[in-house]
Amino acid sequence: MASVGNAHFVFQNDQWIPFSGNSHTVANIIEQQALIMGQTGNIAKVANASEGQPADFIYTSRHWIPLNTTSEVANLAERDSLPAKTGRQ
């Protein structure tokens, strides 16, 4: 995932796709799994995913899957220069 200001993008099928879902911050995996408002494309930012390390997850409509590396960039040109890879499905 890459963020440009308030806009967020997910890299899928060799292209950057604008993310328009909701993002939720939770304390740990247990709270993430308890999110009942999960809709396809929602992202949960988990403060303690494992051994005190934070992680981001996206909801697929059936499962929460981890996002690969996320990046904050200044503009779309900088986003396009990121070494992005298609995530797991």
PDB file of N, CA and C in Angstrom:
ATOM      1  N   MET A   1       0.844  -1.162   0.000  1.00  0.00           N
ATOM      2  CA  MET A   1       0.000   0.000   0.000  1.00  0.00           C
ATOM      3  C   MET A   1       0.894   1.230   0.000  1.00  0.00           C
ATOM      4  N   ALA A   2       0.494   2.244  -0.733  1.00  0.00           N
ATOM      5  CA  ALA A   2       1.208   3.525  -0.748  1.00  0.00           C
ATOM      6  C   ALA A   2       0.203   4.626  -0.439  1.00  0.00           C
ATOM      7  N   SER A   3       0.649   5.613   0.325  1.00  0.00           N
ATOM      8  CA  SER A   3      -0.195   6.756   0.651  1.00  0.00           C
ATOM      9  C   SER A   3       0.412   8.022   0.083  1.00  0.00           C
ATOM     10  N   VAL A   4      -0.416   8.820  -0.573  1.00  0.00           N
ATOM     11  CA  VAL A   4      -0.026  10.122  -1.091  1.00  0.00           C
ATOM     12  C   VAL A   4      -1.000  11.117  -0.481  1.00  0.00           C
ATOM     13  N   GLY A   5      -0.545  11.850   0.527  1.00  0.00           N
ATOM     14  CA  GLY A   5      -1.465  12.719   1.256  1.00  0.00           C
ATOM     15  C   GLY A   5      -2.547  11.878   1.908  1.00  0.00           C
ATOM     16  N   ASN A   6      -3.808  12.183   1.596  1.00  0.00           N
ATOM     17  CA  ASN A   6      -4.921  11.407   2.141  1.00  0.00           C
ATOM     18  C   ASN A   6      -5.389  10.296   1.210  1.00  0.00           C
ATOM     19  N   ALA A   7      -4.750  10.134   0.056  1.00  0.00           N
ATOM     20  CA  ALA A   7      -5.126   9.088  -0.896  1.00  0.00           C
ATOM     21  C   ALA A   7      -4.267   7.845  -0.656  1.00  0.00           C
ATOM     22  N   HIS A   8      -4.885   6.669  -0.754  1.00  0.00           N
ATOM     23  CA  HIS A   8      -4.191   5.406  -0.537  1.00  0.00           C
ATOM     24  C   HIS A   8      -4.361   4.524  -1.773  1.00  0.00           C
ATOM     25  N   PHE A   9      -3.317   3.741  -2.068  1.00  0.00           N
ATOM     26  CA  PHE A   9      -3.317   2.883  -3.244  1.00  0.00           C
ATOM     27  C   PHE A   9      -2.790   1.503  -2.873  1.00  0.00           C
ATOM     28  N   VAL A  10      -3.355   0.460  -3.492  1.00  0.00           N
ATOM     29  CA  VAL A  10      -2.904  -0.913  -3.321  1.00  0.00           C
ATOM     30  C   VAL A  10      -2.391  -1.385  -4.667  1.00  0.00           C
ATOM     31  N   PHE A  11      -1.238  -2.075  -4.689  1.00  0.00           N
ATOM     32  CA  PHE A  11      -0.667  -2.565  -5.944  1.00  0.00           C
ATOM     33  C   PHE A  11      -1.217  -3.952  -6.232  1.00  0.00           C
ATOM     34  N   GLN A  12      -1.931  -4.114  -7.346  1.00  0.00           N
ATOM     35  CA  GLN A  12      -2.547  -5.389  -7.716  1.00  0.00           C
ATOM     36  C   GLN A  12      -2.526  -5.509  -9.231  1.00  0.00           C
ATOM     37  N   ASN A  13      -2.201  -6.695  -9.742  1.00  0.00           N
ATOM     38  CA  ASN A  13      -2.186  -6.942 -11.186  1.00  0.00           C
ATOM     39  C   ASN A  13      -1.340  -5.926 -11.938  1.00  0.00           C
ATOM     40  N   ASP A  14      -0.164  -5.632 -11.393  1.00  0.00           N
ATOM     41  CA  ASP A  14       0.803  -4.733 -12.010  1.00  0.00           C
ATOM     42  C   ASP A  14       0.311  -3.298 -12.195  1.00  0.00           C
ATOM     43  N   GLN A  15      -0.608  -2.855 -11.335  1.00  0.00           N
ATOM     44  CA  GLN A  15      -1.051  -1.463 -11.403  1.00  0.00           C
ATOM     45  C   GLN A  15      -1.434  -0.970 -10.008  1.00  0.00           C
ATOM     46  N   TRP A  16      -1.379   0.348  -9.809  1.00  0.00           N
ATOM     47  CA  TRP A  16      -1.790   0.958  -8.554  1.00  0.00           C
ATOM     48  C   TRP A  16      -3.285   1.203  -8.610  1.00  0.00           C
ATOM     49  N   ILE A  17      -4.023   0.657  -7.658  1.00  0.00           N
ATOM     50  CA  ILE A  17      -5.475   0.792  -7.607  1.00  0.00           C
ATOM     51  C   ILE A  17      -5.834   1.712  -6.444  1.00  0.00           C
ATOM     52  N   PRO A  18      -6.619   2.761  -6.685  1.00  0.00           N
ATOM     53  CA  PRO A  18      -7.014   3.639  -5.580  1.00  0.00           C
ATOM     54  C   PRO A  18      -7.793   2.847  -4.533  1.00  0.00           C
ATOM     55  N   PHE A  19      -7.441   3.044  -3.287  1.00  0.00           N
ATOM     56  CA  PHE A  19      -8.116   2.390  -2.177  1.00  0.00           C
ATOM     57  C   PHE A  19      -9.158   3.346  -1.634  1.00  0.00           C
ATOM     58  N   SER A  20     -10.412   2.909  -1.585  1.00  0.00           N
ATOM     59  CA  SER A  20     -11.464   3.795  -1.102  1.00  0.00           C
ATOM     60  C   SER A  20     -12.194   3.217   0.104  1.00  0.00           C
ATOM     61  N   GLY A  21     -11.675   2.131   0.668  1.00  0.00           N
ATOM     62  CA  GLY A  21     -12.309   1.524   1.836  1.00  0.00           C
ATOM     63  C   GLY A  21     -11.963   2.264   3.107  1.00  0.00           C
ATOM     64  N   ASN A  22     -12.368   1.711   4.227  1.00  0.00           N
ATOM     65  CA  ASN A  22     -12.100   2.305   5.525  1.00  0.00           C
ATOM     66  C   ASN A  22     -10.856   1.691   6.138  1.00  0.00           C
ATOM     67  N   SER A  23     -10.180   2.441   6.976  1.00  0.00           N
ATOM     68  CA  SER A  23      -9.016   1.967   7.706  1.00  0.00           C
ATOM     69  C   SER A  23      -9.324   2.042   9.189  1.00  0.00           C
ATOM     70  N   HIS A  24      -9.029   0.975   9.918  1.00  0.00           N
ATOM     71  CA  HIS A  24      -9.301   0.912  11.351  1.00  0.00           C
ATOM     72  C   HIS A  24      -8.007   0.592  12.083  1.00  0.00           C
ATOM     73  N   THR A  25      -7.770   1.240  13.210  1.00  0.00           N
ATOM     74  CA  THR A  25      -6.603   0.962  14.028  1.00  0.00           C
ATOM     75  C   THR A  25      -7.054   0.171  15.243  1.00  0.00           C
ATOM     76  N   VAL A  26      -6.410  -0.975  15.478  1.00  0.00           N
ATOM     77  CA  VAL A  26      -6.737  -1.824  16.625  1.00  0.00           C
ATOM     78  C   VAL A  26      -5.449  -2.170  17.361  1.00  0.00           C
ATOM     79  N   ALA A  27      -5.588  -2.624  18.606  1.00  0.00           N
ATOM     80  CA  ALA A  27      -4.422  -2.873  19.457  1.00  0.00           C
ATOM     81  C   ALA A  27      -3.714  -4.176  19.143  1.00  0.00           C
ATOM     82  N   ASN A  28      -4.443  -5.209  18.698  1.00  0.00           N
ATOM     83  CA  ASN A  28      -3.816  -6.509  18.485  1.00  0.00           C
ATOM     84  C   ASN A  28      -4.666  -7.361  17.542  1.00  0.00           C
ATOM     85  N   ILE A  29      -4.169  -8.554  17.229  1.00  0.00           N
ATOM     86  CA  ILE A  29      -4.843  -9.455  16.288  1.00  0.00           C
ATOM     87  C   ILE A  29      -6.230  -9.846  16.793  1.00  0.00           C
ATOM     88  N   ILE A  30      -6.377 -10.052  18.088  1.00  0.00           N
ATOM     89  CA  ILE A  30      -7.682 -10.445  18.639  1.00  0.00           C
ATOM     90  C   ILE A  30      -8.729  -9.376  18.338  1.00  0.00           C
ATOM     91  N   GLU A  31      -8.373  -8.105  18.520  1.00  0.00           N
ATOM     92  CA  GLU A  31      -9.311  -7.020  18.201  1.00  0.00           C
ATOM     93  C   GLU A  31      -9.582  -6.962  16.703  1.00  0.00           C
ATOM     94  N   GLN A  32      -8.574  -7.220  15.887  1.00  0.00           N
ATOM     95  CA  GLN A  32      -8.764  -7.204  14.431  1.00  0.00           C
ATOM     96  C   GLN A  32      -9.766  -8.281  14.028  1.00  0.00           C
ATOM     97  N   GLN A  33      -9.613  -9.497  14.566  1.00  0.00           N
ATOM     98  CA  GLN A  33     -10.503 -10.594  14.217  1.00  0.00           C
ATOM     99  C   GLN A  33     -11.934 -10.318  14.675  1.00  0.00           C
ATOM    100  N   ALA A  34     -12.090  -9.484  15.709  1.00  0.00           N
ATOM    101  CA  ALA A  34     -13.413  -9.168  16.242  1.00  0.00           C
ATOM    102  C   ALA A  34     -14.121  -8.049  15.477  1.00  0.00           C
ATOM    103  N   LEU A  35     -13.441  -7.422  14.518  1.00  0.00           N
ATOM    104  CA  LEU A  35     -14.081  -6.351  13.748  1.00  0.00           C
ATOM    105  C   LEU A  35     -15.275  -6.934  12.994  1.00  0.00           C
ATOM    106  N   ILE A  36     -16.459  -6.475  13.326  1.00  0.00           N
ATOM    107  CA  ILE A  36     -17.646  -7.021  12.670  1.00  0.00           C
ATOM    108  C   ILE A  36     -18.067  -6.175  11.469  1.00  0.00           C
ATOM    109  N   MET A  37     -17.472  -5.006  11.330  1.00  0.00           N
ATOM    110  CA  MET A  37     -17.833  -4.156  10.212  1.00  0.00           C
ATOM    111  C   MET A  37     -16.926  -4.385   9.013  1.00  0.00           C
ATOM    112  N   GLY A  38     -16.138  -5.459   9.051  1.00  0.00           N
ATOM    113  CA  GLY A  38     -15.214  -5.723   7.951  1.00  0.00           C
ATOM    114  C   GLY A  38     -15.938  -5.867   6.623  1.00  0.00           C
ATOM    115  N   GLN A  39     -15.554  -5.074   5.664  1.00  0.00           N
ATOM    116  CA  GLN A  39     -16.078  -5.155   4.309  1.00  0.00           C
ATOM    117  C   GLN A  39     -14.890  -5.286   3.374  1.00  0.00           C
ATOM    118  N   THR A  40     -15.112  -5.888   2.234  1.00  0.00           N
ATOM    119  CA  THR A  40     -14.035  -6.091   1.273  1.00  0.00           C
ATOM    120  C   THR A  40     -13.275  -4.796   1.043  1.00  0.00           C
ATOM    121  N   GLY A  41     -11.958  -4.858   1.202  1.00  0.00           N
ATOM    122  CA  GLY A  41     -11.108  -3.698   0.984  1.00  0.00           C
ATOM    123  C   GLY A  41     -10.793  -2.912   2.241  1.00  0.00           C
ATOM    124  N   ASN A  42     -11.479  -3.204   3.368  1.00  0.00           N
ATOM    125  CA  ASN A  42     -11.151  -2.508   4.616  1.00  0.00           C
ATOM    126  C   ASN A  42      -9.740  -2.872   5.040  1.00  0.00           C
ATOM    127  N   ILE A  43      -9.048  -1.907   5.631  1.00  0.00           N
ATOM    128  CA  ILE A  43      -7.695  -2.140   6.136  1.00  0.00           C
ATOM    129  C   ILE A  43      -7.704  -1.940   7.639  1.00  0.00           C
ATOM    130  N   ALA A  44      -7.077  -2.877   8.347  1.00  0.00           N
ATOM    131  CA  ALA A  44      -6.899  -2.759   9.795  1.00  0.00           C
ATOM    132  C   ALA A  44      -5.415  -2.556  10.064  1.00  0.00           C
ATOM    133  N   LYS A  45      -5.099  -1.525  10.833  1.00  0.00           N
ATOM    134  CA  LYS A  45      -3.729  -1.265  11.259  1.00  0.00           C
ATOM    135  C   LYS A  45      -3.617  -1.828  12.669  1.00  0.00           C
ATOM    136  N   VAL A  46      -2.883  -2.929  12.827  1.00  0.00           N
ATOM    137  CA  VAL A  46      -2.788  -3.620  14.110  1.00  0.00           C
ATOM    138  C   VAL A  46      -1.512  -3.174  14.817  1.00  0.00           C
ATOM    139  N   ALA A  47      -1.668  -2.587  15.998  1.00  0.00           N
ATOM    140  CA  ALA A  47      -0.523  -2.057  16.741  1.00  0.00           C
ATOM    141  C   ALA A  47       0.417  -3.156  17.221  1.00  0.00           C
ATOM    142  N   ASN A  48      -0.122  -4.321  17.587  1.00  0.00           N
ATOM    143  CA  ASN A  48       0.698  -5.432  18.080  1.00  0.00           C
ATOM    144  C   ASN A  48       0.274  -6.705  17.368  1.00  0.00           C
ATOM    145  N   ALA A  49       0.794  -6.914  16.158  1.00  0.00           N
ATOM    146  CA  ALA A  49       0.428  -8.089  15.373  1.00  0.00           C
ATOM    147  C   ALA A  49       1.198  -9.328  15.816  1.00  0.00           C
ATOM    148  N   SER A  50       2.432  -9.125  16.241  1.00  0.00           N
ATOM    149  CA  SER A  50       3.272 -10.243  16.685  1.00  0.00           C
ATOM    150  C   SER A  50       4.506  -9.675  17.367  1.00  0.00           C
ATOM    151  N   GLU A  51       4.762 -10.119  18.570  1.00  0.00           N
ATOM    152  CA  GLU A  51       5.938  -9.698  19.322  1.00  0.00           C
ATOM    153  C   GLU A  51       6.082  -8.177  19.380  1.00  0.00           C
ATOM    154  N   GLY A  52       4.963  -7.482  19.545  1.00  0.00           N
ATOM    155  CA  GLY A  52       4.984  -6.029  19.669  1.00  0.00           C
ATOM    156  C   GLY A  52       5.158  -5.272  18.370  1.00  0.00           C
ATOM    157  N   GLN A  53       5.170  -5.965  17.241  1.00  0.00           N
ATOM    158  CA  GLN A  53       5.366  -5.324  15.945  1.00  0.00           C
ATOM    159  C   GLN A  53       4.028  -4.977  15.295  1.00  0.00           C
ATOM    160  N   PRO A  54       3.914  -3.766  14.719  1.00  0.00           N
ATOM    161  CA  PRO A  54       2.674  -3.393  14.034  1.00  0.00           C
ATOM    162  C   PRO A  54       2.587  -4.043  12.651  1.00  0.00           C
ATOM    163  N   ALA A  55       1.377  -4.149  12.124  1.00  0.00           N
ATOM    164  CA  ALA A  55       1.178  -4.696  10.778  1.00  0.00           C
ATOM    165  C   ALA A  55      -0.152  -4.189  10.233  1.00  0.00           C
ATOM    166  N   ASP A  56      -0.266  -4.164   8.902  1.00  0.00           N
ATOM    167  CA  ASP A  56      -1.496  -3.770   8.228  1.00  0.00           C
ATOM    168  C   ASP A  56      -2.096  -5.005   7.557  1.00  0.00           C
ATOM    169  N   PHE A  57      -3.440  -5.109   7.620  1.00  0.00           N
ATOM    170  CA  PHE A  57      -4.157  -6.225   7.014  1.00  0.00           C
ATOM    171  C   PHE A  57      -5.293  -5.672   6.169  1.00  0.00           C
ATOM    172  N   ILE A  58      -5.629  -6.366   5.075  1.00  0.00           N
ATOM    173  CA  ILE A  58      -6.756  -5.975   4.224  1.00  0.00           C
ATOM    174  C   ILE A  58      -7.758  -7.123   4.243  1.00  0.00           C
ATOM    175  N   TYR A  59      -9.055  -6.772   4.258  1.00  0.00           N
ATOM    176  CA  TYR A  59     -10.110  -7.779   4.325  1.00  0.00           C
ATOM    177  C   TYR A  59     -10.535  -8.161   2.914  1.00  0.00           C
ATOM    178  N   THR A  60     -10.572  -9.471   2.620  1.00  0.00           N
ATOM    179  CA  THR A  60     -10.867  -9.968   1.278  1.00  0.00           C
ATOM    180  C   THR A  60     -12.333 -10.325   1.072  1.00  0.00           C
ATOM    181  N   SER A  61     -13.151 -10.170   2.072  1.00  0.00           N
ATOM    182  CA  SER A  61     -14.554 -10.566   2.175  1.00  0.00           C
ATOM    183  C   SER A  61     -14.668 -11.917   2.870  1.00  0.00           C
ATOM    184  N   ARG A  62     -13.535 -12.609   3.032  1.00  0.00           N
ATOM    185  CA  ARG A  62     -13.542 -13.875   3.764  1.00  0.00           C
ATOM    186  C   ARG A  62     -12.446 -13.939   4.812  1.00  0.00           C
ATOM    187  N   HIS A  63     -11.344 -13.238   4.576  1.00  0.00           N
ATOM    188  CA  HIS A  63     -10.199 -13.332   5.478  1.00  0.00           C
ATOM    189  C   HIS A  63      -9.497 -11.979   5.591  1.00  0.00           C
ATOM    190  N   TRP A  64      -8.799 -11.790   6.711  1.00  0.00           N
ATOM    191  CA  TRP A  64      -7.872 -10.670   6.848  1.00  0.00           C
ATOM    192  C   TRP A  64      -6.518 -11.189   6.398  1.00  0.00           C
ATOM    193  N   ILE A  65      -5.921 -10.570   5.383  1.00  0.00           N
ATOM    194  CA  ILE A  65      -4.599 -10.989   4.927  1.00  0.00           C
ATOM    195  C   ILE A  65      -3.612  -9.835   5.131  1.00  0.00           C
ATOM    196  N   PRO A  66      -2.371 -10.167   5.454  1.00  0.00           N
ATOM    197  CA  PRO A  66      -1.386  -9.105   5.697  1.00  0.00           C
ATOM    198  C   PRO A  66      -1.019  -8.387   4.401  1.00  0.00           C
ATOM    199  N   LEU A  67      -0.855  -7.067   4.526  1.00  0.00           N
ATOM    200  CA  LEU A  67      -0.329  -6.281   3.409  1.00  0.00           C
ATOM    201  C   LEU A  67       1.188  -6.377   3.450  1.00  0.00           C
ATOM    202  N   ASN A  68       1.787  -6.333   2.310  1.00  0.00           N
ATOM    203  CA  ASN A  68       3.243  -6.271   2.265  1.00  0.00           C
ATOM    204  C   ASN A  68       3.671  -4.889   2.739  1.00  0.00           C
ATOM    205  N   THR A  69       4.861  -4.505   2.469  1.00  0.00           N
ATOM    206  CA  THR A  69       5.397  -3.203   2.886  1.00  0.00           C
ATOM    207  C   THR A  69       4.474  -2.065   2.473  1.00  0.00           C
ATOM    208  N   THR A  70       4.250  -1.126   3.378  1.00  0.00           N
ATOM    209  CA  THR A  70       3.479   0.067   3.040  1.00  0.00           C
ATOM    210  C   THR A  70       4.423   1.262   2.986  1.00  0.00           C
ATOM    211  N   SER A  71       4.087   2.241   2.167  1.00  0.00           N
ATOM    212  CA  SER A  71       4.965   3.390   1.956  1.00  0.00           C
ATOM    213  C   SER A  71       4.168   4.680   1.982  1.00  0.00           C
ATOM    214  N   GLU A  72       4.776   5.739   2.484  1.00  0.00           N
ATOM    215  CA  GLU A  72       4.223   7.093   2.414  1.00  0.00           C
ATOM    216  C   GLU A  72       5.076   7.863   1.421  1.00  0.00           C
ATOM    217  N   VAL A  73       4.442   8.470   0.420  1.00  0.00           N
ATOM    218  CA  VAL A  73       5.177   9.211  -0.589  1.00  0.00           C
ATOM    219  C   VAL A  73       4.563  10.599  -0.760  1.00  0.00           C
ATOM    220  N   ALA A  74       5.312  11.488  -1.376  1.00  0.00           N
ATOM    221  CA  ALA A  74       4.880  12.883  -1.519  1.00  0.00           C
ATOM    222  C   ALA A  74       3.925  13.108  -2.688  1.00  0.00           C
ATOM    223  N   ASN A  75       4.043  12.274  -3.736  1.00  0.00           N
ATOM    224  CA  ASN A  75       3.223  12.508  -4.920  1.00  0.00           C
ATOM    225  C   ASN A  75       3.109  11.226  -5.741  1.00  0.00           C
ATOM    226  N   LEU A  76       2.286  11.273  -6.799  1.00  0.00           N
ATOM    227  CA  LEU A  76       2.046  10.083  -7.607  1.00  0.00           C
ATOM    228  C   LEU A  76       3.289   9.627  -8.364  1.00  0.00           C
ATOM    229  N   ALA A  77       4.126  10.550  -8.792  1.00  0.00           N
ATOM    230  CA  ALA A  77       5.356  10.168  -9.500  1.00  0.00           C
ATOM    231  C   ALA A  77       6.266   9.365  -8.568  1.00  0.00           C
ATOM    232  N   GLU A  78       6.346   9.791  -7.311  1.00  0.00           N
ATOM    233  CA  GLU A  78       7.160   9.062  -6.339  1.00  0.00           C
ATOM    234  C   GLU A  78       6.552   7.681  -6.071  1.00  0.00           C
ATOM    235  N   ARG A  79       5.215   7.605  -6.008  1.00  0.00           N
ATOM    236  CA  ARG A  79       4.540   6.315  -5.844  1.00  0.00           C
ATOM    237  C   ARG A  79       4.880   5.374  -6.991  1.00  0.00           C
ATOM    238  N   ASP A  80       4.830   5.901  -8.216  1.00  0.00           N
ATOM    239  CA  ASP A  80       5.074   5.069  -9.393  1.00  0.00           C
ATOM    240  C   ASP A  80       6.500   4.551  -9.468  1.00  0.00           C
ATOM    241  N   SER A  81       7.425   5.179  -8.726  1.00  0.00           N
ATOM    242  CA  SER A  81       8.814   4.722  -8.756  1.00  0.00           C
ATOM    243  C   SER A  81       9.093   3.679  -7.663  1.00  0.00           C
ATOM    244  N   LEU A  82       8.092   3.361  -6.839  1.00  0.00           N
ATOM    245  CA  LEU A  82       8.294   2.347  -5.790  1.00  0.00           C
ATOM    246  C   LEU A  82       8.499   0.967  -6.399  1.00  0.00           C
ATOM    247  N   PRO A  83       9.348   0.145  -5.800  1.00  0.00           N
ATOM    248  CA  PRO A  83       9.548  -1.226  -6.302  1.00  0.00           C
ATOM    249  C   PRO A  83       8.429  -2.131  -5.783  1.00  0.00           C
ATOM    250  N   ALA A  84       7.234  -1.986  -6.359  1.00  0.00           N
ATOM    251  CA  ALA A  84       6.056  -2.700  -5.869  1.00  0.00           C
ATOM    252  C   ALA A  84       5.959  -4.103  -6.454  1.00  0.00           C
ATOM    253  N   LYS A  85       5.327  -4.985  -5.658  1.00  0.00           N
ATOM    254  CA  LYS A  85       5.061  -6.350  -6.103  1.00  0.00           C
ATOM    255  C   LYS A  85       3.597  -6.638  -5.830  1.00  0.00           C
ATOM    256  N   THR A  86       2.983  -7.472  -6.658  1.00  0.00           N
ATOM    257  CA  THR A  86       1.608  -7.870  -6.441  1.00  0.00           C
ATOM    258  C   THR A  86       1.528  -8.669  -5.151  1.00  0.00           C
ATOM    259  N   GLY A  87       0.547  -8.362  -4.312  1.00  0.00           N
ATOM    260  CA  GLY A  87       0.376  -9.048  -3.041  1.00  0.00           C
ATOM    261  C   GLY A  87      -0.213 -10.440  -3.195  1.00  0.00           C
ATOM    262  N   ARG A  88      -0.269 -11.145  -2.072  1.00  0.00           N
ATOM    263  CA  ARG A  88      -0.861 -12.479  -2.073  1.00  0.00           C
ATOM    264  C   ARG A  88      -2.359 -12.369  -2.192  1.00  0.00           C
ATOM    265  N   GLN A  89      -2.956 -13.389  -2.794  1.00  0.00           N
ATOM    266  CA  GLN A  89      -4.410 -13.401  -2.942  1.00  0.00           C
ATOM    267  C   GLN A  89      -4.997 -14.541  -2.154  1.00  0.00           C
TER     268      GLN A  89
END
